[in-house]
Amino acid sequence: MNQTVVQNPGDPYIYMFVQGEWYCYNPNEDRLGGGAMGTVYRGFRCKDGATVAVKRVIDNYANNRQIRERAKFEASLVFRHTNLVEMIGYCEYAPTFGPIFLISKFVSGEDIDKYVKRFANAPDRVEKISKAICQVCDALDYLHHYVVYQSDGSIAQTGIIHRDVKPSNIMVEGGSNVRLMDLGIARQNSGNSFSSFGFIGTPEYSAPEQIKGDKDSIGPTTDIYQLGVTFYELLDGTNPMACEAESQTLTKQIQEELPSSPRIPRKMLAVIRKATEKEQSSRYQSAMEFKKAIQLALMPDPSLTEQISDWVQTHLLAFLGIVVLLGIIAVIIFLILL
């Protein structure tokens, strides 16, 4: 693939040739967002002005071989899912060093935490947040079963772990559709951390196995843990693990259960606590299992009549057996008394 980056004297725009087309962006304009891995700008396709998103990987990271390979891998993922962002490709000045740019389809929306604040006291607040989280579960399920192929058609990798699920990486477009973003650290192991304690991830959302550096244990349940903490934060309004000192945050992630909250219904809190169990085997084992538990917790409690009906149906055979047995005993007693 021929990739070219051009910046002309006196022209603020940087031009990038990706997948046979020219794109551009102005680094002096306000950014759309950013994180530990890079900064995102509004860009354009030169032939028709179509809006795209351009992420420039932070130069210090871009010169690291592992991070550079990670960025190229992220740009190569051909997602066609309504709850993920579609990548276009990448561009670079040189193959082994210098700035690297990732170009994706533009998603117009807002971070999910801002979206949630707009109905913070609405009666259907829990239902709206839960439905948004269910869409993230759909995205994670797609990622966890995504197959990466090599150029010869053989399978290179089955399943992608996001590893940085948090509110700032979840966007809501059009007030309804939810997209999980930023796969900048997916499957990236060792070498470059977001935490001063030497692991990759965001401390307030990271699972115990991330913090402990057990990279062989990182899997779908790691993302489920992070989504559980995110879910709690969106419902409660605060992150339960956040502390002034990062070391305290990490200790809480490893040792402490999520606290009760008056803003989180009892049944939903039980679901979230299972998603954030410290032992991976005790969590939901798939994103779909987590989603089904959320949907079940949203259902109203059955009435007393329904509970009795369900009990009778469940125990019908046993109930009939008891009736028959009592009838037989009554007959025997009657015969004895004759």
C-alpha atoms as a PDB file:
ATOM      1  CA  MET A   1       0.000   0.000   0.000  1.00  0.00           C
ATOM      2  CA  ASN A   2       1.422   3.380  -1.011  1.00  0.00           C
ATOM      3  CA  GLN A   3       0.953   5.886   1.794  1.00  0.00           C
ATOM      4  CA  THR A   4       2.087   9.489   1.573  1.00  0.00           C
ATOM      5  CA  VAL A   5       1.964  12.505   3.880  1.00  0.00           C
ATOM      6  CA  VAL A   6       2.415  15.986   2.421  1.00  0.00           C
ATOM      7  CA  GLN A   7       2.524  19.423   4.052  1.00  0.00           C
ATOM      8  CA  ASN A   8       3.166  22.420   1.819  1.00  0.00           C
ATOM      9  CA  PRO A   9       4.857  25.648   3.018  1.00  0.00           C
ATOM     10  CA  GLY A  10       2.282  28.259   4.021  1.00  0.00           C
ATOM     11  CA  ASP A  11      -0.568  25.745   3.953  1.00  0.00           C
ATOM     12  CA  PRO A  12      -1.797  24.716   7.432  1.00  0.00           C
ATOM     13  CA  TYR A  13      -3.350  21.489   6.130  1.00  0.00           C
ATOM     14  CA  ILE A  14      -1.647  18.107   6.228  1.00  0.00           C
ATOM     15  CA  TYR A  15      -2.545  15.922   3.239  1.00  0.00           C
ATOM     16  CA  MET A  16      -2.624  12.132   3.479  1.00  0.00           C
ATOM     17  CA  PHE A  17      -2.941   9.586   0.677  1.00  0.00           C
ATOM     18  CA  VAL A  18      -4.762   6.525   2.010  1.00  0.00           C
ATOM     19  CA  GLN A  19      -6.313   3.624   0.119  1.00  0.00           C
ATOM     20  CA  GLY A  20      -6.067   5.466  -3.212  1.00  0.00           C
ATOM     21  CA  GLU A  21      -7.617   8.751  -2.023  1.00  0.00           C
ATOM     22  CA  TRP A  22      -6.420  12.041  -0.571  1.00  0.00           C
ATOM     23  CA  TYR A  23      -7.548  13.263   2.843  1.00  0.00           C
ATOM     24  CA  CYS A  24      -6.568  16.339   4.828  1.00  0.00           C
ATOM     25  CA  TYR A  25      -6.900  18.046   8.210  1.00  0.00           C
ATOM     26  CA  ASN A  26      -5.755  21.243   9.907  1.00  0.00           C
ATOM     27  CA  PRO A  27      -3.793  20.508  13.125  1.00  0.00           C
ATOM     28  CA  ASN A  28      -4.331  24.128  14.249  1.00  0.00           C
ATOM     29  CA  GLU A  29      -8.094  23.690  14.534  1.00  0.00           C
ATOM     30  CA  ASP A  30      -9.832  22.521  17.703  1.00  0.00           C
ATOM     31  CA  ARG A  31      -9.505  18.806  18.249  1.00  0.00           C
ATOM     32  CA  LEU A  32     -12.489  16.491  18.443  1.00  0.00           C
ATOM     33  CA  GLY A  33     -11.047  14.539  21.336  1.00  0.00           C
ATOM     34  CA  GLY A  34      -8.032  12.680  22.555  1.00  0.00           C
ATOM     35  CA  GLY A  35      -6.574  10.262  25.012  1.00  0.00           C
ATOM     36  CA  ALA A  36      -3.358   8.686  26.143  1.00  0.00           C
ATOM     37  CA  MET A  37      -2.623   7.275  22.682  1.00  0.00           C
ATOM     38  CA  GLY A  38      -3.435  10.158  20.385  1.00  0.00           C
ATOM     39  CA  THR A  39      -5.392  13.243  19.414  1.00  0.00           C
ATOM     40  CA  VAL A  40      -8.420  13.204  17.103  1.00  0.00           C
ATOM     41  CA  TYR A  41      -9.152  15.951  14.575  1.00  0.00           C
ATOM     42  CA  ARG A  42     -11.875  16.647  12.042  1.00  0.00           C
ATOM     43  CA  GLY A  43     -10.602  15.864   8.555  1.00  0.00           C
ATOM     44  CA  PHE A  44     -11.956  15.793   5.019  1.00  0.00           C
ATOM     45  CA  ARG A  45     -11.829  13.686   1.896  1.00  0.00           C
ATOM     46  CA  CYS A  46     -10.341  16.028  -0.669  1.00  0.00           C
ATOM     47  CA  LYS A  47     -12.446  14.984  -3.685  1.00  0.00           C
ATOM     48  CA  ASP A  48     -15.829  15.786  -2.126  1.00  0.00           C
ATOM     49  CA  GLY A  49     -15.269  17.322   1.302  1.00  0.00           C
ATOM     50  CA  ALA A  50     -16.776  14.354   3.166  1.00  0.00           C
ATOM     51  CA  THR A  51     -15.952  14.563   6.867  1.00  0.00           C
ATOM     52  CA  VAL A  52     -13.633  11.959   8.413  1.00  0.00           C
ATOM     53  CA  ALA A  53     -11.876  11.562  11.761  1.00  0.00           C
ATOM     54  CA  VAL A  54      -8.080  11.740  11.836  1.00  0.00           C
ATOM     55  CA  LYS A  55      -6.242  10.389  14.879  1.00  0.00           C
ATOM     56  CA  ARG A  56      -2.602  11.376  15.162  1.00  0.00           C
ATOM     57  CA  VAL A  57      -0.802   8.975  17.448  1.00  0.00           C
ATOM     58  CA  ILE A  58       1.279  10.876  19.992  1.00  0.00           C
ATOM     59  CA  ASP A  59       4.757  11.150  18.501  1.00  0.00           C
ATOM     60  CA  ASN A  60       6.524   9.684  21.538  1.00  0.00           C
ATOM     61  CA  TYR A  61       4.403   6.545  21.179  1.00  0.00           C
ATOM     62  CA  ALA A  62       4.579   6.536  17.397  1.00  0.00           C
ATOM     63  CA  ASN A  63       8.332   5.966  17.523  1.00  0.00           C
ATOM     64  CA  ASN A  64       7.838   2.817  19.574  1.00  0.00           C
ATOM     65  CA  ARG A  65       7.722  -0.290  17.395  1.00  0.00           C
ATOM     66  CA  GLN A  66       4.991  -2.052  19.347  1.00  0.00           C
ATOM     67  CA  ILE A  67       2.731   0.993  19.474  1.00  0.00           C
ATOM     68  CA  ARG A  68       3.280   1.612  15.767  1.00  0.00           C
ATOM     69  CA  GLU A  69       2.342  -1.954  14.911  1.00  0.00           C
ATOM     70  CA  ARG A  70      -0.685  -1.622  17.207  1.00  0.00           C
ATOM     71  CA  ALA A  71      -1.850   1.510  15.388  1.00  0.00           C
ATOM     72  CA  LYS A  72      -1.493  -0.139  11.987  1.00  0.00           C
ATOM     73  CA  PHE A  73      -3.391  -3.162  13.241  1.00  0.00           C
ATOM     74  CA  GLU A  74      -6.221  -0.949  14.524  1.00  0.00           C
ATOM     75  CA  ALA A  75      -6.424   0.812  11.139  1.00  0.00           C
ATOM     76  CA  SER A  76      -6.563  -2.527   9.317  1.00  0.00           C
ATOM     77  CA  LEU A  77      -9.662  -3.789  11.147  1.00  0.00           C
ATOM     78  CA  VAL A  78     -12.529  -3.910   8.672  1.00  0.00           C
ATOM     79  CA  PHE A  79     -15.524  -3.506  10.961  1.00  0.00           C
ATOM     80  CA  ARG A  80     -19.043  -3.322   9.583  1.00  0.00           C
ATOM     81  CA  HIS A  81     -21.024  -3.065  12.782  1.00  0.00           C
ATOM     82  CA  THR A  82     -23.500  -0.392  13.808  1.00  0.00           C
ATOM     83  CA  ASN A  83     -21.976  -0.157  17.302  1.00  0.00           C
ATOM     84  CA  LEU A  84     -18.342   0.241  16.189  1.00  0.00           C
ATOM     85  CA  VAL A  85     -16.458   2.837  14.156  1.00  0.00           C
ATOM     86  CA  GLU A  86     -15.504   1.964  10.572  1.00  0.00           C
ATOM     87  CA  MET A  87     -11.795   2.411   9.822  1.00  0.00           C
ATOM     88  CA  ILE A  88     -10.475   3.715   6.488  1.00  0.00           C
ATOM     89  CA  GLY A  89      -6.724   3.187   6.876  1.00  0.00           C
ATOM     90  CA  TYR A  90      -3.500   4.777   8.070  1.00  0.00           C
ATOM     91  CA  CYS A  91      -0.777   7.051   6.755  1.00  0.00           C
ATOM     92  CA  GLU A  92       2.803   7.744   7.833  1.00  0.00           C
ATOM     93  CA  TYR A  93       5.873   9.767   6.917  1.00  0.00           C
ATOM     94  CA  ALA A  94       8.131   6.739   7.278  1.00  0.00           C
ATOM     95  CA  PRO A  95       7.473   3.052   7.975  1.00  0.00           C
ATOM     96  CA  THR A  96       9.363   2.835  11.276  1.00  0.00           C
ATOM     97  CA  PHE A  97       9.364   6.319  12.867  1.00  0.00           C
ATOM     98  CA  GLY A  98       7.703   9.718  12.874  1.00  0.00           C
ATOM     99  CA  PRO A  99       4.023  10.714  12.993  1.00  0.00           C
ATOM    100  CA  ILE A 100       1.384   8.155  12.059  1.00  0.00           C
ATOM    101  CA  PHE A 101      -2.247   8.978  11.285  1.00  0.00           C
ATOM    102  CA  LEU A 102      -5.321   6.748  11.532  1.00  0.00           C
ATOM    103  CA  ILE A 103      -8.332   7.734   9.425  1.00  0.00           C
ATOM    104  CA  SER A 104     -11.861   6.546  10.163  1.00  0.00           C
ATOM    105  CA  LYS A 105     -15.434   7.368   9.263  1.00  0.00           C
ATOM    106  CA  PHE A 106     -16.690  10.418  11.124  1.00  0.00           C
ATOM    107  CA  VAL A 107     -19.204   9.802  13.900  1.00  0.00           C
ATOM    108  CA  SER A 108     -21.267  12.802  14.969  1.00  0.00           C
ATOM    109  CA  GLY A 109     -22.393  12.495  18.553  1.00  0.00           C
ATOM    110  CA  GLU A 110     -21.440  13.003  22.185  1.00  0.00           C
ATOM    111  CA  ASP A 111     -19.651  11.035  24.883  1.00  0.00           C
ATOM    112  CA  ILE A 112     -22.059   8.805  26.754  1.00  0.00           C
ATOM    113  CA  ASP A 113     -21.481  10.562  30.087  1.00  0.00           C
ATOM    114  CA  LYS A 114     -22.676  13.852  28.550  1.00  0.00           C
ATOM    115  CA  TYR A 115     -25.616  12.042  26.970  1.00  0.00           C
ATOM    116  CA  VAL A 116     -26.637  10.590  30.342  1.00  0.00           C
ATOM    117  CA  LYS A 117     -26.515  13.965  32.092  1.00  0.00           C
ATOM    118  CA  ARG A 118     -29.300  15.237  29.834  1.00  0.00           C
ATOM    119  CA  PHE A 119     -31.818  12.939  31.533  1.00  0.00           C
ATOM    120  CA  ALA A 120     -30.160  12.573  34.940  1.00  0.00           C
ATOM    121  CA  ASN A 121     -33.462  12.818  36.838  1.00  0.00           C
ATOM    122  CA  ALA A 122     -35.852  11.344  34.283  1.00  0.00           C
ATOM    123  CA  PRO A 123     -38.078   8.452  35.416  1.00  0.00           C
ATOM    124  CA  ASP A 124     -36.755   6.231  32.593  1.00  0.00           C
ATOM    125  CA  ARG A 125     -33.112   7.036  33.351  1.00  0.00           C
ATOM    126  CA  VAL A 126     -32.145   3.470  34.330  1.00  0.00           C
ATOM    127  CA  GLU A 127     -33.848   1.980  31.275  1.00  0.00           C
ATOM    128  CA  LYS A 128     -32.149   4.399  28.856  1.00  0.00           C
ATOM    129  CA  ILE A 129     -28.688   3.830  30.329  1.00  0.00           C
ATOM    130  CA  SER A 130     -29.233   0.064  30.392  1.00  0.00           C
ATOM    131  CA  LYS A 131     -30.246  -0.009  26.727  1.00  0.00           C
ATOM    132  CA  ALA A 132     -27.117   1.968  25.827  1.00  0.00           C
ATOM    133  CA  ILE A 133     -24.933  -0.490  27.749  1.00  0.00           C
ATOM    134  CA  CYS A 134     -26.645  -3.376  25.928  1.00  0.00           C
ATOM    135  CA  GLN A 135     -25.466  -1.855  22.637  1.00  0.00           C
ATOM    136  CA  VAL A 136     -21.903  -1.805  23.986  1.00  0.00           C
ATOM    137  CA  CYS A 137     -22.386  -5.492  24.822  1.00  0.00           C
ATOM    138  CA  ASP A 138     -23.296  -6.065  21.163  1.00  0.00           C
ATOM    139  CA  ALA A 139     -20.091  -4.310  20.085  1.00  0.00           C
ATOM    140  CA  LEU A 140     -17.971  -6.339  22.510  1.00  0.00           C
ATOM    141  CA  ASP A 141     -19.599  -9.593  21.404  1.00  0.00           C
ATOM    142  CA  TYR A 142     -18.668  -8.743  17.806  1.00  0.00           C
ATOM    143  CA  LEU A 143     -15.094  -7.913  18.808  1.00  0.00           C
ATOM    144  CA  HIS A 144     -14.669 -11.009  20.949  1.00  0.00           C
ATOM    145  CA  HIS A 145     -15.641 -13.221  17.999  1.00  0.00           C
ATOM    146  CA  TYR A 146     -13.900 -11.190  15.277  1.00  0.00           C
ATOM    147  CA  VAL A 147     -11.498 -13.188  13.114  1.00  0.00           C
ATOM    148  CA  VAL A 148      -8.334 -11.543  11.770  1.00  0.00           C
ATOM    149  CA  TYR A 149      -6.937 -13.115   8.596  1.00  0.00           C
ATOM    150  CA  GLN A 150      -3.424 -12.988   7.192  1.00  0.00           C
ATOM    151  CA  SER A 151      -2.728 -12.078   3.572  1.00  0.00           C
ATOM    152  CA  ASP A 152      -2.640 -15.773   2.607  1.00  0.00           C
ATOM    153  CA  GLY A 153      -6.129 -16.314   4.009  1.00  0.00           C
ATOM    154  CA  SER A 154      -5.063 -18.143   7.157  1.00  0.00           C
ATOM    155  CA  ILE A 155      -6.371 -17.075  10.551  1.00  0.00           C
ATOM    156  CA  ALA A 156      -3.989 -14.795  12.421  1.00  0.00           C
ATOM    157  CA  GLN A 157      -6.141 -14.100  15.466  1.00  0.00           C
ATOM    158  CA  THR A 158      -9.585 -14.968  16.769  1.00  0.00           C
ATOM    159  CA  GLY A 159     -11.163 -12.463  19.082  1.00  0.00           C
ATOM    160  CA  ILE A 160     -10.137  -8.910  19.945  1.00  0.00           C
ATOM    161  CA  ILE A 161     -10.095  -7.584  23.508  1.00  0.00           C
ATOM    162  CA  HIS A 162     -10.687  -3.835  23.778  1.00  0.00           C
ATOM    163  CA  ARG A 163      -8.969  -3.363  27.157  1.00  0.00           C
ATOM    164  CA  ASP A 164     -10.014   0.267  27.662  1.00  0.00           C
ATOM    165  CA  VAL A 165     -13.819   0.344  27.932  1.00  0.00           C
ATOM    166  CA  LYS A 166     -14.849   3.586  29.652  1.00  0.00           C
ATOM    167  CA  PRO A 167     -17.319   6.454  29.139  1.00  0.00           C
ATOM    168  CA  SER A 168     -14.962   8.578  27.044  1.00  0.00           C
ATOM    169  CA  ASN A 169     -14.631   5.682  24.577  1.00  0.00           C
ATOM    170  CA  ILE A 170     -18.402   5.306  24.148  1.00  0.00           C
ATOM    171  CA  MET A 171     -20.231   7.744  21.872  1.00  0.00           C
ATOM    172  CA  VAL A 172     -23.957   8.239  21.303  1.00  0.00           C
ATOM    173  CA  GLU A 173     -24.988   9.500  17.862  1.00  0.00           C
ATOM    174  CA  GLY A 174     -28.401  10.826  17.021  1.00  0.00           C
ATOM    175  CA  GLY A 175     -29.478  10.422  20.621  1.00  0.00           C
ATOM    176  CA  SER A 176     -29.847   6.659  20.244  1.00  0.00           C
ATOM    177  CA  ASN A 177     -27.152   4.658  18.449  1.00  0.00           C
ATOM    178  CA  VAL A 178     -24.153   3.803  20.621  1.00  0.00           C
ATOM    179  CA  ARG A 179     -20.648   3.240  19.267  1.00  0.00           C
ATOM    180  CA  LEU A 180     -17.643   1.822  21.103  1.00  0.00           C
ATOM    181  CA  MET A 181     -14.506   3.614  20.001  1.00  0.00           C
ATOM    182  CA  ASP A 182     -10.722   3.617  20.242  1.00  0.00           C
ATOM    183  CA  LEU A 183      -9.050   0.229  19.922  1.00  0.00           C
ATOM    184  CA  GLY A 184      -5.660   1.815  20.456  1.00  0.00           C
ATOM    185  CA  ILE A 185      -4.545  -0.636  23.157  1.00  0.00           C
ATOM    186  CA  ALA A 186      -6.492  -3.743  22.175  1.00  0.00           C
ATOM    187  CA  ARG A 187      -4.238  -6.791  22.571  1.00  0.00           C
ATOM    188  CA  GLN A 188      -1.254  -4.528  23.223  1.00  0.00           C
ATOM    189  CA  ASN A 189       0.914  -6.244  25.826  1.00  0.00           C
ATOM    190  CA  SER A 190       3.883  -4.877  27.767  1.00  0.00           C
ATOM    191  CA  GLY A 191       6.163  -1.998  27.023  1.00  0.00           C
ATOM    192  CA  ASN A 192       3.997   1.115  27.123  1.00  0.00           C
ATOM    193  CA  SER A 193       1.628   1.872  29.943  1.00  0.00           C
ATOM    194  CA  PHE A 194      -1.047   4.435  30.647  1.00  0.00           C
ATOM    195  CA  SER A 195      -0.505   3.847  34.341  1.00  0.00           C
ATOM    196  CA  SER A 196       2.543   4.887  36.296  1.00  0.00           C
ATOM    197  CA  PHE A 197       2.405   1.407  37.845  1.00  0.00           C
ATOM    198  CA  GLY A 198       3.370  -0.245  34.575  1.00  0.00           C
ATOM    199  CA  PHE A 199       0.193  -1.651  33.049  1.00  0.00           C
ATOM    200  CA  ILE A 200      -1.847  -0.644  30.026  1.00  0.00           C
ATOM    201  CA  GLY A 201      -5.311   0.640  30.781  1.00  0.00           C
ATOM    202  CA  THR A 202      -7.185   3.331  32.707  1.00  0.00           C
ATOM    203  CA  PRO A 203      -6.900   2.670  36.474  1.00  0.00           C
ATOM    204  CA  GLU A 204     -10.477   3.701  37.349  1.00  0.00           C
ATOM    205  CA  TYR A 205     -11.866   1.005  35.033  1.00  0.00           C
ATOM    206  CA  SER A 206      -9.140  -1.635  34.862  1.00  0.00           C
ATOM    207  CA  ALA A 207      -9.785  -5.232  35.876  1.00  0.00           C
ATOM    208  CA  PRO A 208      -7.625  -6.892  38.583  1.00  0.00           C
ATOM    209  CA  GLU A 209      -5.852  -9.103  36.017  1.00  0.00           C
ATOM    210  CA  GLN A 210      -4.741  -5.994  34.112  1.00  0.00           C
ATOM    211  CA  ILE A 211      -3.374  -4.372  37.233  1.00  0.00           C
ATOM    212  CA  LYS A 212      -1.550  -7.529  38.285  1.00  0.00           C
ATOM    213  CA  GLY A 213       0.088  -7.741  34.876  1.00  0.00           C
ATOM    214  CA  ASP A 214      -1.316 -11.185  34.151  1.00  0.00           C
ATOM    215  CA  LYS A 215      -1.514 -10.660  30.384  1.00  0.00           C
ATOM    216  CA  ASP A 216      -2.296 -14.332  29.697  1.00  0.00           C
ATOM    217  CA  SER A 217      -5.529 -13.949  31.685  1.00  0.00           C
ATOM    218  CA  ILE A 218      -6.777 -10.902  29.808  1.00  0.00           C
ATOM    219  CA  GLY A 219      -9.836 -11.886  27.800  1.00  0.00           C
ATOM    220  CA  PRO A 220     -13.534 -11.121  27.234  1.00  0.00           C
ATOM    221  CA  THR A 221     -14.225 -10.999  30.975  1.00  0.00           C
ATOM    222  CA  THR A 222     -11.688  -8.157  31.243  1.00  0.00           C
ATOM    223  CA  ASP A 223     -13.833  -6.007  28.964  1.00  0.00           C
ATOM    224  CA  ILE A 224     -16.952  -7.116  30.854  1.00  0.00           C
ATOM    225  CA  TYR A 225     -15.397  -5.917  34.137  1.00  0.00           C
ATOM    226  CA  GLN A 226     -14.587  -2.522  32.626  1.00  0.00           C
ATOM    227  CA  LEU A 227     -18.082  -2.194  31.187  1.00  0.00           C
ATOM    228  CA  GLY A 228     -19.512  -3.083  34.609  1.00  0.00           C
ATOM    229  CA  VAL A 229     -17.612  -0.233  36.269  1.00  0.00           C
ATOM    230  CA  THR A 230     -18.650   2.084  33.440  1.00  0.00           C
ATOM    231  CA  PHE A 231     -22.295   1.033  33.861  1.00  0.00           C
ATOM    232  CA  TYR A 232     -22.132   1.756  37.596  1.00  0.00           C
ATOM    233  CA  GLU A 233     -20.629   5.195  36.985  1.00  0.00           C
ATOM    234  CA  LEU A 234     -23.295   6.162  34.459  1.00  0.00           C
ATOM    235  CA  LEU A 235     -26.091   5.123  36.824  1.00  0.00           C
ATOM    236  CA  ASP A 236     -24.606   6.578  40.007  1.00  0.00           C
ATOM    237  CA  GLY A 237     -22.862   9.651  38.595  1.00  0.00           C
ATOM    238  CA  THR A 238     -19.497   8.851  40.177  1.00  0.00           C
ATOM    239  CA  ASN A 239     -16.749   6.341  39.580  1.00  0.00           C
ATOM    240  CA  PRO A 240     -16.669   4.043  42.638  1.00  0.00           C
ATOM    241  CA  MET A 241     -12.980   3.260  42.278  1.00  0.00           C
ATOM    242  CA  ALA A 242     -11.590   6.762  41.788  1.00  0.00           C
ATOM    243  CA  CYS A 243      -9.168   8.016  44.455  1.00  0.00           C
ATOM    244  CA  GLU A 244      -6.724  10.898  44.614  1.00  0.00           C
ATOM    245  CA  ALA A 245      -3.790   8.495  44.637  1.00  0.00           C
ATOM    246  CA  GLU A 246      -3.536   6.000  41.795  1.00  0.00           C
ATOM    247  CA  SER A 247      -2.201   3.361  44.181  1.00  0.00           C
ATOM    248  CA  GLN A 248      -5.417   3.606  46.213  1.00  0.00           C
ATOM    249  CA  THR A 249      -7.507   3.218  43.061  1.00  0.00           C
ATOM    250  CA  LEU A 250      -5.616   0.076  42.093  1.00  0.00           C
ATOM    251  CA  THR A 251      -6.013  -1.381  45.584  1.00  0.00           C
ATOM    252  CA  LYS A 252      -9.770  -0.827  45.447  1.00  0.00           C
ATOM    253  CA  GLN A 253      -9.953  -2.498  42.027  1.00  0.00           C
ATOM    254  CA  ILE A 254      -8.214  -5.579  43.375  1.00  0.00           C
ATOM    255  CA  GLN A 255      -9.895  -5.830  46.780  1.00  0.00           C
ATOM    256  CA  GLU A 256     -13.182  -3.928  47.114  1.00  0.00           C
ATOM    257  CA  GLU A 257     -16.693  -4.755  45.920  1.00  0.00           C
ATOM    258  CA  LEU A 258     -18.709  -1.986  44.310  1.00  0.00           C
ATOM    259  CA  PRO A 259     -20.668  -0.131  47.004  1.00  0.00           C
ATOM    260  CA  SER A 260     -24.445   0.150  47.160  1.00  0.00           C
ATOM    261  CA  SER A 261     -26.023   3.246  45.616  1.00  0.00           C
ATOM    262  CA  PRO A 262     -29.495   4.744  46.057  1.00  0.00           C
ATOM    263  CA  ARG A 263     -29.478   5.571  42.343  1.00  0.00           C
ATOM    264  CA  ILE A 264     -28.977   1.964  41.257  1.00  0.00           C
ATOM    265  CA  PRO A 265     -31.891  -0.492  41.606  1.00  0.00           C
ATOM    266  CA  ARG A 266     -31.136  -3.540  43.728  1.00  0.00           C
ATOM    267  CA  LYS A 267     -31.533  -6.052  40.895  1.00  0.00           C
ATOM    268  CA  MET A 268     -29.307  -4.020  38.554  1.00  0.00           C
ATOM    269  CA  LEU A 269     -26.640  -3.592  41.232  1.00  0.00           C
ATOM    270  CA  ALA A 270     -26.530  -7.384  41.610  1.00  0.00           C
ATOM    271  CA  VAL A 271     -25.946  -7.680  37.840  1.00  0.00           C
ATOM    272  CA  ILE A 272     -23.171  -5.083  37.910  1.00  0.00           C
ATOM    273  CA  ARG A 273     -21.498  -6.707  40.896  1.00  0.00           C
ATOM    274  CA  LYS A 274     -21.403 -10.048  39.098  1.00  0.00           C
ATOM    275  CA  ALA A 275     -19.853  -8.365  36.054  1.00  0.00           C
ATOM    276  CA  THR A 276     -17.162  -6.884  38.306  1.00  0.00           C
ATOM    277  CA  GLU A 277     -16.298  -9.924  40.400  1.00  0.00           C
ATOM    278  CA  LYS A 278     -12.589 -10.007  41.222  1.00  0.00           C
ATOM    279  CA  GLU A 279     -12.311 -13.636  40.095  1.00  0.00           C
ATOM    280  CA  GLN A 280     -12.775 -13.867  36.329  1.00  0.00           C
ATOM    281  CA  SER A 281     -14.564 -17.215  36.548  1.00  0.00           C
ATOM    282  CA  SER A 282     -17.272 -15.602  38.686  1.00  0.00           C
ATOM    283  CA  ARG A 283     -18.109 -12.893  36.139  1.00  0.00           C
ATOM    284  CA  TYR A 284     -20.399 -13.210  33.147  1.00  0.00           C
ATOM    285  CA  GLN A 285     -18.398 -15.218  30.646  1.00  0.00           C
ATOM    286  CA  SER A 286     -19.662 -13.435  27.543  1.00  0.00           C
ATOM    287  CA  ALA A 287     -21.001 -10.025  26.580  1.00  0.00           C
ATOM    288  CA  MET A 288     -24.292 -11.625  25.550  1.00  0.00           C
ATOM    289  CA  GLU A 289     -24.674 -13.239  28.972  1.00  0.00           C
ATOM    290  CA  PHE A 290     -24.139  -9.805  30.547  1.00  0.00           C
ATOM    291  CA  LYS A 291     -26.679  -8.252  28.161  1.00  0.00           C
ATOM    292  CA  LYS A 292     -29.341 -10.865  28.944  1.00  0.00           C
ATOM    293  CA  ALA A 293     -28.841 -10.313  32.676  1.00  0.00           C
ATOM    294  CA  ILE A 294     -29.348  -6.556  32.206  1.00  0.00           C
ATOM    295  CA  GLN A 295     -32.525  -7.132  30.210  1.00  0.00           C
ATOM    296  CA  LEU A 296     -33.852  -9.525  32.835  1.00  0.00           C
ATOM    297  CA  ALA A 297     -33.137  -7.032  35.626  1.00  0.00           C
ATOM    298  CA  LEU A 298     -35.195  -4.405  33.761  1.00  0.00           C
ATOM    299  CA  MET A 299     -38.286  -6.598  33.834  1.00  0.00           C
ATOM    300  CA  PRO A 300     -40.804  -5.803  36.601  1.00  0.00           C
ATOM    301  CA  ASP A 301     -41.102  -8.136  39.565  1.00  0.00           C
ATOM    302  CA  PRO A 302     -43.997 -10.599  39.140  1.00  0.00           C
ATOM    303  CA  SER A 303     -47.183 -10.038  41.128  1.00  0.00           C
ATOM    304  CA  LEU A 304     -48.115 -12.335  44.018  1.00  0.00           C
ATOM    305  CA  THR A 305     -50.638 -14.101  41.777  1.00  0.00           C
ATOM    306  CA  GLU A 306     -47.985 -14.662  39.105  1.00  0.00           C
ATOM    307  CA  GLN A 307     -45.531 -15.951  41.702  1.00  0.00           C
ATOM    308  CA  ILE A 308     -48.105 -18.435  43.010  1.00  0.00           C
ATOM    309  CA  SER A 309     -48.972 -19.508  39.462  1.00  0.00           C
ATOM    310  CA  ASP A 310     -45.287 -19.991  38.597  1.00  0.00           C
ATOM    311  CA  TRP A 311     -44.763 -21.969  41.815  1.00  0.00           C
ATOM    312  CA  VAL A 312     -47.726 -24.226  41.088  1.00  0.00           C
ATOM    313  CA  GLN A 313     -46.541 -24.831  37.513  1.00  0.00           C
ATOM    314  CA  THR A 314     -43.018 -25.552  38.669  1.00  0.00           C
ATOM    315  CA  HIS A 315     -44.161 -27.903  41.418  1.00  0.00           C
ATOM    316  CA  LEU A 316     -47.259 -29.288  39.683  1.00  0.00           C
ATOM    317  CA  LEU A 317     -46.078 -32.903  39.453  1.00  0.00           C
ATOM    318  CA  ALA A 318     -44.936 -32.881  43.053  1.00  0.00           C
ATOM    319  CA  PHE A 319     -48.236 -31.272  44.060  1.00  0.00           C
ATOM    320  CA  LEU A 320     -50.284 -33.914  42.210  1.00  0.00           C
ATOM    321  CA  GLY A 321     -48.155 -36.649  43.761  1.00  0.00           C
ATOM    322  CA  ILE A 322     -48.896 -35.346  47.232  1.00  0.00           C
ATOM    323  CA  VAL A 323     -52.620 -35.181  46.459  1.00  0.00           C
ATOM    324  CA  VAL A 324     -52.611 -38.761  45.206  1.00  0.00           C
ATOM    325  CA  LEU A 325     -50.622 -39.928  48.229  1.00  0.00           C
ATOM    326  CA  LEU A 326     -53.016 -38.191  50.614  1.00  0.00           C
ATOM    327  CA  GLY A 327     -55.906 -39.809  48.773  1.00  0.00           C
ATOM    328  CA  ILE A 328     -54.371 -43.258  49.137  1.00  0.00           C
ATOM    329  CA  ILE A 329     -53.725 -42.684  52.843  1.00  0.00           C
ATOM    330  CA  ALA A 330     -57.318 -41.534  53.296  1.00  0.00           C
ATOM    331  CA  VAL A 331     -58.592 -44.682  51.594  1.00  0.00           C
ATOM    332  CA  ILE A 332     -56.388 -46.906  53.735  1.00  0.00           C
ATOM    333  CA  ILE A 333     -57.548 -45.203  56.924  1.00  0.00           C
ATOM    334  CA  PHE A 334     -61.165 -45.538  55.806  1.00  0.00           C
ATOM    335  CA  LEU A 335     -60.729 -49.256  55.149  1.00  0.00           C
ATOM    336  CA  ILE A 336     -59.069 -49.790  58.513  1.00  0.00           C
ATOM    337  CA  LEU A 337     -61.895 -48.064  60.292  1.00  0.00           C
ATOM    338  CA  LEU A 338     -64.573 -50.220  58.584  1.00  0.00           C
END
